[in-house]
Amino acid sequence: MARTGRYKVKFRRRREGKTNYYKRREMIKSGLPRLVIRKTNNYIIAQVVTAKVTGDVVIVSATSKELVRLGWKGGTKNTPAAYLVGLLIGYKALLKGVKEVIPDIGLHRPIKGARVFAVIKGAVDAGLETPHDEEVLPDEDRLSGKHIAEYAEKLKGENEALYKARFSKYLARGLDPADLPKHFEEIKGKIKDYYMGLFKKLNIELPQEESQE
């Protein structure tokens, strides 16, 4: 509550814990589009956004909901899904001529190996340039969901009823959680093959990492 004439009420979105305006200003000053990464209770969302005087303009977006349409049978809010969303947003941005972005993780805490960094890793692997620290990115086993597969196998041996309850959505979609790393590689390959074919069809120069394969 205001006590003096010098008290300044914070902007609404800062009061609601949605926007850090100091960080936002610094990102906008970079002159680069922002790779905005957000999480909901069910999905991972990524957008490439550019700031205009009239407001933010979304250039491209990707969500883990799209993965389901691509045949993804795993969870839509875990680390493997976050990486695949990063791969999608990276390729989509390149198709729009965006080659470099600055990451915007909002008010998420920058914890090593967090899902927001899995998105960044996916975008970088697609060929998008963005400043990041390799130390905070999840390792390959975590990106592929190996930790989930190992936990599922352990739980199945200890408590099958709990296993079926916790992995009910996987099982309902016809995926054995133990096969998640293999399934991850299948969907990753499907995404890469589709966009590589699209780049070639549209005569768009391939990202350097991909063109060397």
N, C-alpha and C. Protein backbone atom coordinates (compact mmCIF):
# COMPACT_ATOMS: atom_id res chain seq x y z
N MET A 1 0.85 -1.20 0.00
CA MET A 1 0.00 0.00 0.00
C MET A 1 0.88 1.25 0.00
N ALA A 2 0.47 2.27 -0.78
CA ALA A 2 1.25 3.49 -0.90
C ALA A 2 1.29 4.23 0.43
N ARG A 3 2.49 4.63 0.87
CA ARG A 3 2.67 5.38 2.10
C ARG A 3 3.19 6.78 1.87
N THR A 4 3.89 6.95 0.74
CA THR A 4 4.46 8.27 0.44
C THR A 4 4.13 8.65 -0.99
N GLY A 5 4.40 9.91 -1.32
CA GLY A 5 4.13 10.41 -2.66
C GLY A 5 5.10 9.86 -3.69
N ARG A 6 6.19 9.22 -3.23
CA ARG A 6 7.17 8.68 -4.14
C ARG A 6 6.92 7.21 -4.48
N TYR A 7 5.92 6.64 -3.89
CA TYR A 7 5.61 5.22 -4.16
C TYR A 7 5.07 5.08 -5.59
N LYS A 8 5.59 4.13 -6.30
CA LYS A 8 5.17 3.90 -7.69
C LYS A 8 4.55 2.52 -7.82
N VAL A 9 3.31 2.48 -8.24
CA VAL A 9 2.63 1.20 -8.40
C VAL A 9 3.23 0.45 -9.58
N LYS A 10 3.56 -0.83 -9.38
CA LYS A 10 4.15 -1.63 -10.45
C LYS A 10 3.10 -1.90 -11.52
N PHE A 11 3.57 -2.16 -12.76
CA PHE A 11 2.67 -2.50 -13.85
C PHE A 11 1.86 -3.75 -13.49
N ARG A 12 0.68 -3.83 -14.04
CA ARG A 12 -0.24 -4.92 -13.69
C ARG A 12 0.40 -6.30 -13.87
N ARG A 13 1.02 -6.54 -15.02
CA ARG A 13 1.59 -7.87 -15.28
C ARG A 13 2.76 -8.18 -14.34
N ARG A 14 3.45 -7.15 -13.83
CA ARG A 14 4.51 -7.39 -12.85
C ARG A 14 3.88 -7.71 -11.51
N ARG A 15 2.79 -7.04 -11.17
CA ARG A 15 2.09 -7.34 -9.91
C ARG A 15 1.55 -8.75 -9.92
N GLU A 16 1.13 -9.22 -11.10
CA GLU A 16 0.57 -10.56 -11.23
C GLU A 16 1.65 -11.63 -11.39
N GLY A 17 2.92 -11.21 -11.40
CA GLY A 17 4.01 -12.17 -11.53
C GLY A 17 4.12 -12.76 -12.91
N LYS A 18 3.76 -12.01 -13.95
CA LYS A 18 3.79 -12.52 -15.31
C LYS A 18 4.93 -11.96 -16.15
N THR A 19 5.37 -10.76 -15.88
CA THR A 19 6.39 -10.12 -16.72
C THR A 19 7.42 -9.39 -15.88
N ASN A 20 8.69 -9.63 -16.17
CA ASN A 20 9.78 -8.86 -15.59
C ASN A 20 10.16 -7.80 -16.62
N TYR A 21 9.71 -6.58 -16.42
CA TYR A 21 9.88 -5.55 -17.44
C TYR A 21 11.33 -5.14 -17.64
N TYR A 22 12.15 -5.27 -16.58
CA TYR A 22 13.57 -4.94 -16.75
C TYR A 22 14.21 -5.90 -17.74
N LYS A 23 13.98 -7.21 -17.55
CA LYS A 23 14.54 -8.21 -18.48
C LYS A 23 13.96 -8.04 -19.87
N ARG A 24 12.67 -7.74 -19.94
CA ARG A 24 12.02 -7.56 -21.24
C ARG A 24 12.68 -6.40 -22.01
N ARG A 25 12.95 -5.32 -21.30
CA ARG A 25 13.57 -4.16 -21.95
C ARG A 25 14.95 -4.51 -22.49
N GLU A 26 15.73 -5.23 -21.70
CA GLU A 26 17.07 -5.61 -22.13
C GLU A 26 17.03 -6.53 -23.35
N MET A 27 16.05 -7.44 -23.39
CA MET A 27 15.93 -8.33 -24.54
C MET A 27 15.53 -7.57 -25.79
N ILE A 28 14.62 -6.62 -25.64
CA ILE A 28 14.19 -5.82 -26.78
C ILE A 28 15.33 -4.96 -27.31
N LYS A 29 16.16 -4.46 -26.40
CA LYS A 29 17.31 -3.64 -26.79
C LYS A 29 18.32 -4.42 -27.63
N SER A 30 18.29 -5.75 -27.52
CA SER A 30 19.22 -6.57 -28.31
C SER A 30 18.93 -6.48 -29.80
N GLY A 31 17.68 -6.10 -30.14
CA GLY A 31 17.30 -5.99 -31.55
C GLY A 31 16.95 -7.32 -32.19
N LEU A 32 17.01 -8.40 -31.41
CA LEU A 32 16.70 -9.73 -31.94
C LEU A 32 15.28 -10.16 -31.57
N PRO A 33 14.66 -11.01 -32.40
CA PRO A 33 13.37 -11.59 -32.01
C PRO A 33 13.58 -12.42 -30.74
N ARG A 34 12.54 -12.57 -29.94
CA ARG A 34 12.64 -13.36 -28.71
C ARG A 34 12.07 -14.75 -28.93
N LEU A 35 12.77 -15.74 -28.40
CA LEU A 35 12.24 -17.10 -28.36
C LEU A 35 11.55 -17.24 -27.01
N VAL A 36 10.25 -17.04 -27.02
CA VAL A 36 9.46 -17.05 -25.78
C VAL A 36 9.06 -18.49 -25.46
N ILE A 37 9.42 -18.95 -24.27
CA ILE A 37 9.13 -20.32 -23.85
C ILE A 37 8.28 -20.28 -22.58
N ARG A 38 7.14 -20.95 -22.65
CA ARG A 38 6.23 -20.99 -21.51
C ARG A 38 5.72 -22.41 -21.29
N LYS A 39 5.28 -22.69 -20.06
CA LYS A 39 4.72 -23.99 -19.71
C LYS A 39 3.33 -23.80 -19.13
N THR A 40 2.43 -24.73 -19.44
CA THR A 40 1.13 -24.77 -18.80
C THR A 40 1.05 -26.09 -18.04
N ASN A 41 -0.10 -26.38 -17.47
CA ASN A 41 -0.25 -27.64 -16.75
C ASN A 41 -0.20 -28.85 -17.69
N ASN A 42 -0.46 -28.62 -18.98
CA ASN A 42 -0.55 -29.74 -19.92
C ASN A 42 0.41 -29.66 -21.10
N TYR A 43 0.89 -28.47 -21.43
CA TYR A 43 1.66 -28.32 -22.67
C TYR A 43 2.89 -27.44 -22.50
N ILE A 44 3.80 -27.58 -23.46
CA ILE A 44 4.96 -26.70 -23.62
C ILE A 44 4.67 -25.80 -24.82
N ILE A 45 4.90 -24.51 -24.67
CA ILE A 45 4.61 -23.54 -25.74
C ILE A 45 5.86 -22.73 -26.07
N ALA A 46 6.13 -22.59 -27.36
CA ALA A 46 7.26 -21.76 -27.80
C ALA A 46 6.80 -20.84 -28.92
N GLN A 47 7.25 -19.59 -28.87
CA GLN A 47 6.91 -18.62 -29.90
C GLN A 47 8.13 -17.77 -30.23
N VAL A 48 8.26 -17.41 -31.48
CA VAL A 48 9.27 -16.42 -31.87
C VAL A 48 8.52 -15.11 -32.05
N VAL A 49 8.90 -14.14 -31.24
CA VAL A 49 8.14 -12.88 -31.14
C VAL A 49 9.05 -11.69 -31.40
N THR A 50 8.55 -10.73 -32.12
CA THR A 50 9.27 -9.48 -32.32
C THR A 50 8.46 -8.34 -31.73
N ALA A 51 9.14 -7.38 -31.14
CA ALA A 51 8.47 -6.27 -30.47
C ALA A 51 8.23 -5.12 -31.43
N LYS A 52 7.01 -4.63 -31.47
CA LYS A 52 6.65 -3.47 -32.26
C LYS A 52 6.08 -2.40 -31.34
N VAL A 53 5.99 -1.19 -31.83
CA VAL A 53 5.44 -0.10 -31.03
C VAL A 53 4.01 -0.41 -30.62
N THR A 54 3.29 -1.06 -31.51
CA THR A 54 1.88 -1.38 -31.25
C THR A 54 1.71 -2.65 -30.41
N GLY A 55 2.82 -3.34 -30.12
CA GLY A 55 2.74 -4.55 -29.32
C GLY A 55 3.55 -5.68 -29.94
N ASP A 56 3.63 -6.79 -29.24
CA ASP A 56 4.39 -7.94 -29.73
C ASP A 56 3.69 -8.59 -30.93
N VAL A 57 4.49 -9.05 -31.88
CA VAL A 57 3.98 -9.76 -33.05
C VAL A 57 4.59 -11.15 -33.07
N VAL A 58 3.74 -12.17 -33.11
CA VAL A 58 4.21 -13.55 -33.14
C VAL A 58 4.55 -13.94 -34.58
N ILE A 59 5.79 -14.32 -34.82
CA ILE A 59 6.22 -14.72 -36.16
C ILE A 59 5.85 -16.18 -36.42
N VAL A 60 6.21 -17.05 -35.50
CA VAL A 60 5.84 -18.47 -35.58
C VAL A 60 5.63 -19.00 -34.16
N SER A 61 4.90 -20.08 -34.05
CA SER A 61 4.69 -20.70 -32.74
C SER A 61 4.64 -22.21 -32.88
N ALA A 62 4.88 -22.90 -31.78
CA ALA A 62 4.81 -24.36 -31.74
C ALA A 62 4.42 -24.78 -30.34
N THR A 63 3.63 -25.83 -30.23
CA THR A 63 3.25 -26.35 -28.92
C THR A 63 3.36 -27.87 -28.94
N SER A 64 3.44 -28.44 -27.76
CA SER A 64 3.54 -29.90 -27.68
C SER A 64 2.24 -30.57 -28.11
N LYS A 65 1.17 -29.81 -28.23
CA LYS A 65 -0.09 -30.37 -28.74
C LYS A 65 0.08 -30.80 -30.19
N GLU A 66 0.95 -30.09 -30.93
CA GLU A 66 1.21 -30.44 -32.33
C GLU A 66 1.87 -31.81 -32.44
N LEU A 67 2.62 -32.19 -31.42
CA LEU A 67 3.33 -33.46 -31.46
C LEU A 67 2.38 -34.64 -31.57
N VAL A 68 1.22 -34.51 -30.94
CA VAL A 68 0.22 -35.58 -30.97
C VAL A 68 -0.21 -35.85 -32.41
N ARG A 69 -0.36 -34.76 -33.19
CA ARG A 69 -0.77 -34.91 -34.59
C ARG A 69 0.34 -35.55 -35.43
N LEU A 70 1.56 -35.49 -34.92
CA LEU A 70 2.70 -36.10 -35.62
C LEU A 70 2.92 -37.55 -35.20
N GLY A 71 2.05 -38.04 -34.31
CA GLY A 71 2.16 -39.42 -33.87
C GLY A 71 2.80 -39.62 -32.51
N TRP A 72 3.10 -38.52 -31.82
CA TRP A 72 3.73 -38.61 -30.50
C TRP A 72 2.77 -39.22 -29.49
N LYS A 73 3.23 -40.25 -28.79
CA LYS A 73 2.40 -40.96 -27.82
C LYS A 73 2.85 -40.74 -26.38
N GLY A 74 3.92 -39.99 -26.22
CA GLY A 74 4.42 -39.71 -24.88
C GLY A 74 3.70 -38.54 -24.25
N GLY A 75 4.21 -38.09 -23.11
CA GLY A 75 3.62 -36.94 -22.43
C GLY A 75 3.84 -35.66 -23.20
N THR A 76 2.99 -34.67 -22.95
CA THR A 76 3.08 -33.40 -23.67
C THR A 76 3.68 -32.27 -22.83
N LYS A 77 4.19 -32.62 -21.66
CA LYS A 77 4.78 -31.57 -20.82
C LYS A 77 6.11 -32.00 -20.21
N ASN A 78 6.68 -33.11 -20.71
CA ASN A 78 7.94 -33.58 -20.15
C ASN A 78 9.13 -33.08 -20.97
N THR A 79 10.33 -33.48 -20.57
CA THR A 79 11.55 -33.01 -21.22
C THR A 79 11.66 -33.43 -22.69
N PRO A 80 11.38 -34.70 -23.04
CA PRO A 80 11.44 -35.06 -24.47
C PRO A 80 10.48 -34.23 -25.33
N ALA A 81 9.27 -33.98 -24.82
CA ALA A 81 8.31 -33.16 -25.57
C ALA A 81 8.83 -31.73 -25.72
N ALA A 82 9.46 -31.21 -24.67
CA ALA A 82 10.01 -29.85 -24.72
C ALA A 82 11.09 -29.75 -25.80
N TYR A 83 11.95 -30.76 -25.89
CA TYR A 83 12.99 -30.75 -26.92
C TYR A 83 12.37 -30.76 -28.31
N LEU A 84 11.37 -31.61 -28.52
CA LEU A 84 10.74 -31.71 -29.84
C LEU A 84 10.03 -30.41 -30.22
N VAL A 85 9.47 -29.72 -29.22
CA VAL A 85 8.86 -28.41 -29.49
C VAL A 85 9.95 -27.42 -29.92
N GLY A 86 11.12 -27.51 -29.27
CA GLY A 86 12.24 -26.65 -29.66
C GLY A 86 12.68 -26.92 -31.08
N LEU A 87 12.69 -28.19 -31.46
CA LEU A 87 13.05 -28.56 -32.83
C LEU A 87 12.05 -27.97 -33.82
N LEU A 88 10.77 -28.07 -33.48
CA LEU A 88 9.71 -27.53 -34.34
C LEU A 88 9.85 -26.02 -34.50
N ILE A 89 9.99 -25.32 -33.38
CA ILE A 89 10.04 -23.85 -33.45
C ILE A 89 11.30 -23.39 -34.18
N GLY A 90 12.39 -24.15 -34.03
CA GLY A 90 13.62 -23.81 -34.73
C GLY A 90 13.46 -23.88 -36.24
N TYR A 91 12.91 -24.98 -36.72
CA TYR A 91 12.70 -25.14 -38.16
C TYR A 91 11.69 -24.12 -38.69
N LYS A 92 10.62 -23.90 -37.94
CA LYS A 92 9.61 -22.92 -38.38
C LYS A 92 10.20 -21.52 -38.49
N ALA A 93 11.05 -21.16 -37.54
CA ALA A 93 11.68 -19.84 -37.56
C ALA A 93 12.59 -19.70 -38.77
N LEU A 94 13.37 -20.74 -39.06
CA LEU A 94 14.27 -20.70 -40.21
C LEU A 94 13.50 -20.56 -41.51
N LEU A 95 12.34 -21.20 -41.59
CA LEU A 95 11.51 -21.07 -42.79
C LEU A 95 11.02 -19.64 -42.99
N LYS A 96 10.89 -18.91 -41.88
CA LYS A 96 10.45 -17.52 -41.95
C LYS A 96 11.62 -16.55 -42.08
N GLY A 97 12.82 -17.09 -42.22
CA GLY A 97 13.99 -16.22 -42.39
C GLY A 97 14.61 -15.75 -41.09
N VAL A 98 14.15 -16.26 -39.97
CA VAL A 98 14.72 -15.89 -38.67
C VAL A 98 15.86 -16.85 -38.36
N LYS A 99 17.06 -16.34 -38.21
CA LYS A 99 18.22 -17.20 -37.97
C LYS A 99 18.81 -17.05 -36.57
N GLU A 100 18.47 -15.96 -35.90
CA GLU A 100 19.03 -15.72 -34.57
C GLU A 100 17.96 -15.13 -33.66
N VAL A 101 17.90 -15.63 -32.44
CA VAL A 101 16.91 -15.16 -31.46
C VAL A 101 17.58 -15.02 -30.10
N ILE A 102 16.88 -14.38 -29.19
CA ILE A 102 17.34 -14.30 -27.81
C ILE A 102 16.31 -15.02 -26.95
N PRO A 103 16.71 -15.93 -26.07
CA PRO A 103 15.75 -16.70 -25.29
C PRO A 103 15.03 -15.86 -24.24
N ASP A 104 13.75 -16.12 -24.09
CA ASP A 104 12.92 -15.44 -23.10
C ASP A 104 12.17 -16.52 -22.32
N ILE A 105 12.69 -16.85 -21.13
CA ILE A 105 12.05 -17.89 -20.32
C ILE A 105 11.10 -17.30 -19.28
N GLY A 106 10.84 -16.00 -19.40
CA GLY A 106 9.88 -15.36 -18.49
C GLY A 106 10.36 -15.40 -17.06
N LEU A 107 9.45 -15.76 -16.16
CA LEU A 107 9.78 -15.81 -14.74
C LEU A 107 10.15 -17.22 -14.27
N HIS A 108 10.34 -18.13 -15.25
CA HIS A 108 10.78 -19.47 -14.87
C HIS A 108 12.18 -19.40 -14.28
N ARG A 109 12.42 -20.17 -13.24
CA ARG A 109 13.74 -20.19 -12.63
C ARG A 109 14.72 -20.93 -13.56
N PRO A 110 15.88 -20.36 -13.81
CA PRO A 110 16.86 -20.99 -14.72
C PRO A 110 17.60 -22.14 -14.06
N ILE A 111 16.90 -23.26 -13.84
CA ILE A 111 17.49 -24.42 -13.19
C ILE A 111 18.15 -25.32 -14.24
N LYS A 112 19.34 -25.79 -13.94
CA LYS A 112 20.08 -26.65 -14.86
C LYS A 112 19.24 -27.86 -15.27
N GLY A 113 19.16 -28.10 -16.59
CA GLY A 113 18.43 -29.25 -17.10
C GLY A 113 16.92 -29.08 -17.17
N ALA A 114 16.43 -27.87 -16.89
CA ALA A 114 14.99 -27.62 -16.90
C ALA A 114 14.40 -27.75 -18.31
N ARG A 115 13.08 -27.92 -18.37
CA ARG A 115 12.41 -28.11 -19.65
C ARG A 115 12.57 -26.92 -20.58
N VAL A 116 12.65 -25.71 -20.01
CA VAL A 116 12.83 -24.53 -20.87
C VAL A 116 14.15 -24.62 -21.63
N PHE A 117 15.16 -25.24 -21.00
CA PHE A 117 16.45 -25.39 -21.67
C PHE A 117 16.43 -26.54 -22.67
N ALA A 118 15.52 -27.49 -22.47
CA ALA A 118 15.34 -28.55 -23.47
C ALA A 118 14.78 -27.95 -24.76
N VAL A 119 13.89 -26.96 -24.63
CA VAL A 119 13.36 -26.26 -25.80
C VAL A 119 14.50 -25.54 -26.53
N ILE A 120 15.33 -24.86 -25.77
CA ILE A 120 16.46 -24.14 -26.37
C ILE A 120 17.39 -25.10 -27.10
N LYS A 121 17.65 -26.26 -26.48
CA LYS A 121 18.51 -27.27 -27.10
C LYS A 121 17.92 -27.74 -28.43
N GLY A 122 16.60 -27.96 -28.46
CA GLY A 122 15.95 -28.37 -29.70
C GLY A 122 16.07 -27.32 -30.79
N ALA A 123 15.88 -26.05 -30.41
CA ALA A 123 15.97 -24.96 -31.37
C ALA A 123 17.38 -24.83 -31.93
N VAL A 124 18.38 -24.98 -31.06
CA VAL A 124 19.78 -24.91 -31.48
C VAL A 124 20.11 -26.06 -32.43
N ASP A 125 19.62 -27.26 -32.10
CA ASP A 125 19.86 -28.42 -32.97
C ASP A 125 19.20 -28.25 -34.33
N ALA A 126 18.12 -27.49 -34.39
CA ALA A 126 17.47 -27.23 -35.66
C ALA A 126 18.29 -26.27 -36.53
N GLY A 127 19.20 -25.52 -35.88
CA GLY A 127 20.03 -24.58 -36.63
C GLY A 127 19.82 -23.13 -36.25
N LEU A 128 18.94 -22.89 -35.27
CA LEU A 128 18.67 -21.52 -34.83
C LEU A 128 19.78 -21.07 -33.89
N GLU A 129 20.26 -19.87 -34.08
CA GLU A 129 21.32 -19.34 -33.22
C GLU A 129 20.70 -18.60 -32.05
N THR A 130 21.16 -18.93 -30.84
CA THR A 130 20.68 -18.23 -29.65
C THR A 130 21.73 -18.34 -28.56
N PRO A 131 21.98 -17.28 -27.81
CA PRO A 131 22.97 -17.36 -26.73
C PRO A 131 22.52 -18.33 -25.64
N HIS A 132 23.40 -19.22 -25.23
CA HIS A 132 23.06 -20.18 -24.18
C HIS A 132 24.34 -20.75 -23.57
N ASP A 133 24.20 -21.33 -22.41
CA ASP A 133 25.31 -21.98 -21.72
C ASP A 133 25.11 -23.48 -21.83
N GLU A 134 26.07 -24.16 -22.45
CA GLU A 134 25.97 -25.61 -22.64
C GLU A 134 25.78 -26.35 -21.32
N GLU A 135 26.28 -25.77 -20.24
CA GLU A 135 26.22 -26.43 -18.93
C GLU A 135 24.80 -26.60 -18.41
N VAL A 136 23.88 -25.74 -18.83
CA VAL A 136 22.51 -25.81 -18.29
C VAL A 136 21.58 -26.68 -19.13
N LEU A 137 22.05 -27.12 -20.29
CA LEU A 137 21.21 -27.92 -21.18
C LEU A 137 21.09 -29.35 -20.66
N PRO A 138 19.91 -29.97 -20.80
CA PRO A 138 19.75 -31.37 -20.38
C PRO A 138 20.66 -32.27 -21.21
N ASP A 139 21.11 -33.39 -20.62
CA ASP A 139 21.95 -34.31 -21.38
C ASP A 139 21.08 -35.15 -22.32
N GLU A 140 21.74 -35.89 -23.20
CA GLU A 140 21.03 -36.63 -24.25
C GLU A 140 20.08 -37.69 -23.67
N ASP A 141 20.50 -38.36 -22.59
CA ASP A 141 19.64 -39.37 -21.98
C ASP A 141 18.34 -38.77 -21.47
N ARG A 142 18.46 -37.60 -20.88
CA ARG A 142 17.25 -36.94 -20.35
C ARG A 142 16.37 -36.43 -21.49
N LEU A 143 16.99 -35.91 -22.54
CA LEU A 143 16.22 -35.41 -23.67
C LEU A 143 15.41 -36.51 -24.33
N SER A 144 15.98 -37.71 -24.39
CA SER A 144 15.30 -38.82 -25.05
C SER A 144 14.29 -39.52 -24.15
N GLY A 145 14.29 -39.16 -22.85
CA GLY A 145 13.34 -39.77 -21.93
C GLY A 145 13.82 -41.06 -21.31
N LYS A 146 15.13 -41.29 -21.35
CA LYS A 146 15.67 -42.53 -20.78
C LYS A 146 15.35 -42.62 -19.29
N HIS A 147 15.39 -41.48 -18.60
CA HIS A 147 15.10 -41.47 -17.16
C HIS A 147 13.66 -41.88 -16.89
N ILE A 148 12.75 -41.51 -17.79
CA ILE A 148 11.34 -41.88 -17.64
C ILE A 148 11.17 -43.37 -17.88
N ALA A 149 11.84 -43.88 -18.91
CA ALA A 149 11.76 -45.31 -19.24
C ALA A 149 12.30 -46.16 -18.08
N GLU A 150 13.43 -45.74 -17.51
CA GLU A 150 14.02 -46.50 -16.41
C GLU A 150 13.13 -46.47 -15.17
N TYR A 151 12.53 -45.33 -14.90
CA TYR A 151 11.62 -45.23 -13.76
C TYR A 151 10.39 -46.12 -13.97
N ALA A 152 9.87 -46.13 -15.19
CA ALA A 152 8.70 -46.95 -15.51
C ALA A 152 8.98 -48.43 -15.31
N GLU A 153 10.14 -48.87 -15.78
CA GLU A 153 10.51 -50.28 -15.62
C GLU A 153 10.67 -50.65 -14.15
N LYS A 154 11.27 -49.77 -13.39
CA LYS A 154 11.47 -50.00 -11.96
C LYS A 154 10.13 -50.06 -11.24
N LEU A 155 9.25 -49.12 -11.56
CA LEU A 155 7.93 -49.07 -10.91
C LEU A 155 7.09 -50.28 -11.28
N LYS A 156 7.18 -50.72 -12.52
CA LYS A 156 6.41 -51.89 -12.97
C LYS A 156 6.78 -53.12 -12.17
N GLY A 157 8.07 -53.26 -11.85
CA GLY A 157 8.52 -54.41 -11.09
C GLY A 157 8.16 -54.33 -9.62
N GLU A 158 7.98 -53.11 -9.12
CA GLU A 158 7.70 -52.93 -7.69
C GLU A 158 6.22 -52.81 -7.38
N ASN A 159 5.49 -52.12 -8.25
CA ASN A 159 4.07 -51.87 -7.98
C ASN A 159 3.36 -51.69 -9.32
N GLU A 160 2.87 -52.80 -9.88
CA GLU A 160 2.26 -52.75 -11.21
C GLU A 160 1.01 -51.89 -11.26
N ALA A 161 0.23 -51.90 -10.17
CA ALA A 161 -0.99 -51.10 -10.13
C ALA A 161 -0.66 -49.61 -10.23
N LEU A 162 0.35 -49.19 -9.47
CA LEU A 162 0.77 -47.79 -9.51
C LEU A 162 1.38 -47.46 -10.87
N TYR A 163 2.13 -48.39 -11.44
CA TYR A 163 2.71 -48.23 -12.77
C TYR A 163 1.61 -47.95 -13.81
N LYS A 164 0.55 -48.74 -13.78
CA LYS A 164 -0.55 -48.57 -14.73
C LYS A 164 -1.28 -47.25 -14.52
N ALA A 165 -1.34 -46.81 -13.27
CA ALA A 165 -2.02 -45.54 -12.97
C ALA A 165 -1.19 -44.35 -13.45
N ARG A 166 0.11 -44.37 -13.17
CA ARG A 166 0.96 -43.23 -13.51
C ARG A 166 1.25 -43.13 -15.01
N PHE A 167 1.24 -44.26 -15.69
CA PHE A 167 1.52 -44.26 -17.12
C PHE A 167 0.29 -44.66 -17.93
N SER A 168 -0.88 -44.35 -17.39
CA SER A 168 -2.13 -44.74 -18.05
C SER A 168 -2.28 -44.11 -19.43
N LYS A 169 -1.86 -42.86 -19.58
CA LYS A 169 -2.00 -42.19 -20.87
C LYS A 169 -1.06 -42.79 -21.91
N TYR A 170 0.14 -43.14 -21.50
CA TYR A 170 1.08 -43.80 -22.41
C TYR A 170 0.49 -45.12 -22.90
N LEU A 171 0.02 -45.91 -21.93
CA LEU A 171 -0.52 -47.23 -22.25
C LEU A 171 -1.77 -47.14 -23.10
N ALA A 172 -2.62 -46.12 -22.83
CA ALA A 172 -3.84 -45.94 -23.60
C ALA A 172 -3.53 -45.59 -25.05
N ARG A 173 -2.40 -44.91 -25.27
CA ARG A 173 -1.99 -44.54 -26.64
C ARG A 173 -1.22 -45.67 -27.32
N GLY A 174 -0.99 -46.76 -26.60
CA GLY A 174 -0.29 -47.90 -27.20
C GLY A 174 1.22 -47.82 -27.10
N LEU A 175 1.73 -47.04 -26.14
CA LEU A 175 3.17 -46.91 -25.98
C LEU A 175 3.61 -47.51 -24.66
N ASP A 176 4.54 -48.45 -24.73
CA ASP A 176 5.18 -48.97 -23.53
C ASP A 176 6.19 -47.92 -23.08
N PRO A 177 6.06 -47.37 -21.85
CA PRO A 177 6.98 -46.33 -21.40
C PRO A 177 8.45 -46.71 -21.54
N ALA A 178 8.75 -48.00 -21.47
CA ALA A 178 10.14 -48.45 -21.62
C ALA A 178 10.67 -48.18 -23.02
N ASP A 179 9.76 -48.00 -23.99
CA ASP A 179 10.15 -47.74 -25.37
C ASP A 179 10.17 -46.24 -25.71
N LEU A 180 10.05 -45.40 -24.69
CA LEU A 180 10.00 -43.95 -24.94
C LEU A 180 11.23 -43.41 -25.67
N PRO A 181 12.46 -43.78 -25.29
CA PRO A 181 13.63 -43.26 -26.02
C PRO A 181 13.60 -43.61 -27.51
N LYS A 182 13.20 -44.83 -27.83
CA LYS A 182 13.11 -45.26 -29.23
C LYS A 182 12.03 -44.46 -29.96
N HIS A 183 10.88 -44.28 -29.29
CA HIS A 183 9.77 -43.52 -29.88
C HIS A 183 10.19 -42.06 -30.09
N PHE A 184 10.93 -41.52 -29.14
CA PHE A 184 11.43 -40.14 -29.26
C PHE A 184 12.28 -39.98 -30.52
N GLU A 185 13.18 -40.92 -30.76
CA GLU A 185 14.04 -40.85 -31.93
C GLU A 185 13.23 -40.95 -33.22
N GLU A 186 12.17 -41.74 -33.21
CA GLU A 186 11.31 -41.88 -34.39
C GLU A 186 10.63 -40.55 -34.73
N ILE A 187 10.06 -39.90 -33.72
CA ILE A 187 9.37 -38.62 -33.95
C ILE A 187 10.37 -37.53 -34.31
N LYS A 188 11.52 -37.53 -33.65
CA LYS A 188 12.56 -36.55 -33.97
C LYS A 188 12.98 -36.69 -35.44
N GLY A 189 13.18 -37.93 -35.88
CA GLY A 189 13.55 -38.17 -37.27
C GLY A 189 12.46 -37.75 -38.23
N LYS A 190 11.22 -37.98 -37.84
CA LYS A 190 10.08 -37.60 -38.68
C LYS A 190 10.02 -36.09 -38.87
N ILE A 191 10.24 -35.35 -37.79
CA ILE A 191 10.22 -33.89 -37.85
C ILE A 191 11.37 -33.39 -38.74
N LYS A 192 12.56 -33.92 -38.52
CA LYS A 192 13.74 -33.48 -39.29
C LYS A 192 13.57 -33.79 -40.77
N ASP A 193 13.10 -34.98 -41.08
CA ASP A 193 12.93 -35.37 -42.49
C ASP A 193 11.92 -34.47 -43.19
N TYR A 194 10.84 -34.15 -42.47
CA TYR A 194 9.79 -33.30 -43.07
C TYR A 194 10.34 -31.91 -43.40
N TYR A 195 11.03 -31.31 -42.43
CA TYR A 195 11.50 -29.94 -42.66
C TYR A 195 12.70 -29.88 -43.60
N MET A 196 13.55 -30.89 -43.58
CA MET A 196 14.65 -30.91 -44.54
C MET A 196 14.11 -30.99 -45.97
N GLY A 197 13.05 -31.80 -46.13
CA GLY A 197 12.41 -31.90 -47.45
C GLY A 197 11.78 -30.59 -47.86
N LEU A 198 11.21 -29.88 -46.88
CA LEU A 198 10.57 -28.60 -47.16
C LEU A 198 11.60 -27.54 -47.53
N PHE A 199 12.72 -27.52 -46.82
CA PHE A 199 13.80 -26.59 -47.16
C PHE A 199 14.26 -26.81 -48.59
N LYS A 200 14.42 -28.06 -48.95
CA LYS A 200 14.90 -28.40 -50.29
C LYS A 200 13.87 -28.01 -51.35
N LYS A 201 12.62 -28.28 -51.07
CA LYS A 201 11.55 -27.98 -52.02
C LYS A 201 11.42 -26.48 -52.26
N LEU A 202 11.62 -25.69 -51.22
CA LEU A 202 11.49 -24.24 -51.32
C LEU A 202 12.81 -23.55 -51.65
N ASN A 203 13.84 -24.37 -51.89
CA ASN A 203 15.18 -23.84 -52.21
C ASN A 203 15.70 -22.90 -51.13
N ILE A 204 15.46 -23.28 -49.90
CA ILE A 204 15.96 -22.51 -48.76
C ILE A 204 17.26 -23.15 -48.31
N GLU A 205 18.28 -22.33 -48.07
CA GLU A 205 19.57 -22.85 -47.64
C GLU A 205 19.42 -23.57 -46.31
N LEU A 206 19.96 -24.77 -46.25
CA LEU A 206 19.85 -25.57 -45.04
C LEU A 206 20.72 -25.02 -43.94
N PRO A 207 20.31 -25.21 -42.67
CA PRO A 207 21.20 -24.85 -41.56
C PRO A 207 22.51 -25.59 -41.72
N GLN A 208 23.61 -24.97 -41.36
CA GLN A 208 24.92 -25.55 -41.59
C GLN A 208 25.10 -26.91 -40.95
N GLU A 209 24.55 -27.06 -39.69
CA GLU A 209 24.71 -28.34 -39.00
C GLU A 209 24.06 -29.46 -39.76
N GLU A 210 22.89 -29.20 -40.35
CA GLU A 210 22.15 -30.23 -41.05
C GLU A 210 22.76 -30.52 -42.41
N SER A 211 23.23 -29.48 -43.10
CA SER A 211 23.74 -29.66 -44.45
C SER A 211 25.01 -30.49 -44.48
N GLN A 212 25.71 -30.58 -43.34
CA GLN A 212 26.93 -31.36 -43.29
C GLN A 212 26.68 -32.82 -43.06
N GLU A 213 25.43 -33.21 -42.72
CA GLU A 213 25.12 -34.61 -42.43
C GLU A 213 25.10 -35.43 -43.73
